[in-house]
Amino acid sequence: MRAGDGDATSEVLTFSGPPIRQPVAMGGPMVMNTRAEIDQAFRDFHTSRFGTVPRQARLQHR
């Protein structure tokens, strides 16, 4: 694997585990079981129910 700039060291993080055998819905950085749960998570995020989130970690949701 090569880094985009050719000089910097790259780190790759992988995860694995047994199948959860449940539906998966994804939206931006959120992963839940249904689209309704994703929507609720974004509402919670935007109303600060996740607690304090550093400004640099905030993503724009489209």
C-alpha atoms as a PDB file:
ATOM      1  CA  MET A   1       0.000   0.000   0.000  1.00  0.00           C
ATOM      2  CA  ARG A   2       1.273   3.451  -0.828  1.00  0.00           C
ATOM      3  CA  ALA A   3       0.398   6.752   0.786  1.00  0.00           C
ATOM      4  CA  GLY A   4      -1.032   9.428  -1.474  1.00  0.00           C
ATOM      5  CA  ASP A   5       2.012  11.670  -1.025  1.00  0.00           C
ATOM      6  CA  GLY A   6       4.500   8.810  -1.297  1.00  0.00           C
ATOM      7  CA  ASP A   7       6.485   9.862   1.782  1.00  0.00           C
ATOM      8  CA  ALA A   8       4.181   9.716   4.801  1.00  0.00           C
ATOM      9  CA  THR A   9       3.624   6.544   6.789  1.00  0.00           C
ATOM     10  CA  SER A  10       0.114   5.139   6.479  1.00  0.00           C
ATOM     11  CA  GLU A  11      -1.795   3.306   9.182  1.00  0.00           C
ATOM     12  CA  VAL A  12      -4.593   0.868   8.417  1.00  0.00           C
ATOM     13  CA  LEU A  13      -7.089  -0.210  11.054  1.00  0.00           C
ATOM     14  CA  THR A  14      -9.302  -3.227  10.421  1.00  0.00           C
ATOM     15  CA  PHE A  15     -12.061  -4.792  12.467  1.00  0.00           C
ATOM     16  CA  SER A  16     -13.822  -8.113  12.278  1.00  0.00           C
ATOM     17  CA  GLY A  17     -16.309 -10.031  14.313  1.00  0.00           C
ATOM     18  CA  PRO A  18     -19.196 -12.441  14.084  1.00  0.00           C
ATOM     19  CA  PRO A  19     -22.217 -11.409  11.973  1.00  0.00           C
ATOM     20  CA  ILE A  20     -24.847  -9.567  14.033  1.00  0.00           C
ATOM     21  CA  ARG A  21     -27.714 -10.862  11.874  1.00  0.00           C
ATOM     22  CA  GLN A  22     -29.553  -7.536  12.107  1.00  0.00           C
ATOM     23  CA  PRO A  23     -30.385  -4.855   9.529  1.00  0.00           C
ATOM     24  CA  VAL A  24     -27.762  -2.134   9.164  1.00  0.00           C
ATOM     25  CA  ALA A  25     -28.491   1.479   8.199  1.00  0.00           C
ATOM     26  CA  MET A  26     -25.665   3.954   7.592  1.00  0.00           C
ATOM     27  CA  GLY A  27     -25.736   7.726   7.392  1.00  0.00           C
ATOM     28  CA  GLY A  28     -22.495   9.686   7.475  1.00  0.00           C
ATOM     29  CA  PRO A  29     -20.596   8.560  10.573  1.00  0.00           C
ATOM     30  CA  MET A  30     -23.720   7.003  12.115  1.00  0.00           C
ATOM     31  CA  VAL A  31     -24.484   3.279  11.930  1.00  0.00           C
ATOM     32  CA  MET A  32     -27.771   2.026  13.359  1.00  0.00           C
ATOM     33  CA  ASN A  33     -30.443  -0.574  12.555  1.00  0.00           C
ATOM     34  CA  THR A  34     -32.995   1.689  10.824  1.00  0.00           C
ATOM     35  CA  ARG A  35     -33.131   4.983   8.951  1.00  0.00           C
ATOM     36  CA  ALA A  36     -35.354   6.341  11.735  1.00  0.00           C
ATOM     37  CA  GLU A  37     -32.576   5.640  14.265  1.00  0.00           C
ATOM     38  CA  ILE A  38     -30.072   7.429  11.990  1.00  0.00           C
ATOM     39  CA  ASP A  39     -32.382  10.456  11.794  1.00  0.00           C
ATOM     40  CA  GLN A  40     -32.779  10.467  15.590  1.00  0.00           C
ATOM     41  CA  ALA A  41     -29.002  10.217  16.063  1.00  0.00           C
ATOM     42  CA  PHE A  42     -28.489  13.289  13.835  1.00  0.00           C
ATOM     43  CA  ARG A  43     -31.187  15.194  15.767  1.00  0.00           C
ATOM     44  CA  ASP A  44     -29.452  14.234  19.013  1.00  0.00           C
ATOM     45  CA  PHE A  45     -26.080  15.279  17.602  1.00  0.00           C
ATOM     46  CA  HIS A  46     -27.339  18.669  16.406  1.00  0.00           C
ATOM     47  CA  THR A  47     -29.046  19.402  19.745  1.00  0.00           C
ATOM     48  CA  SER A  48     -25.865  18.557  21.724  1.00  0.00           C
ATOM     49  CA  ARG A  49     -27.306  15.393  23.284  1.00  0.00           C
ATOM     50  CA  PHE A  50     -24.011  13.655  22.454  1.00  0.00           C
ATOM     51  CA  GLY A  51     -22.249  16.020  24.859  1.00  0.00           C
ATOM     52  CA  THR A  52     -19.469  18.360  23.807  1.00  0.00           C
ATOM     53  CA  VAL A  53     -18.000  17.535  20.393  1.00  0.00           C
ATOM     54  CA  PRO A  54     -14.719  19.246  19.421  1.00  0.00           C
ATOM     55  CA  ARG A  55     -15.236  21.635  16.506  1.00  0.00           C
ATOM     56  CA  GLN A  56     -12.617  19.858  14.378  1.00  0.00           C
ATOM     57  CA  ALA A  57     -14.543  16.583  14.729  1.00  0.00           C
ATOM     58  CA  ARG A  58     -17.845  17.997  13.426  1.00  0.00           C
ATOM     59  CA  LEU A  59     -18.944  16.814  10.001  1.00  0.00           C
ATOM     60  CA  GLN A  60     -21.389  18.535   7.711  1.00  0.00           C
ATOM     61  CA  HIS A  61     -24.443  16.311   7.156  1.00  0.00           C
ATOM     62  CA  ARG A  62     -25.928  16.408   3.669  1.00  0.00           C
END
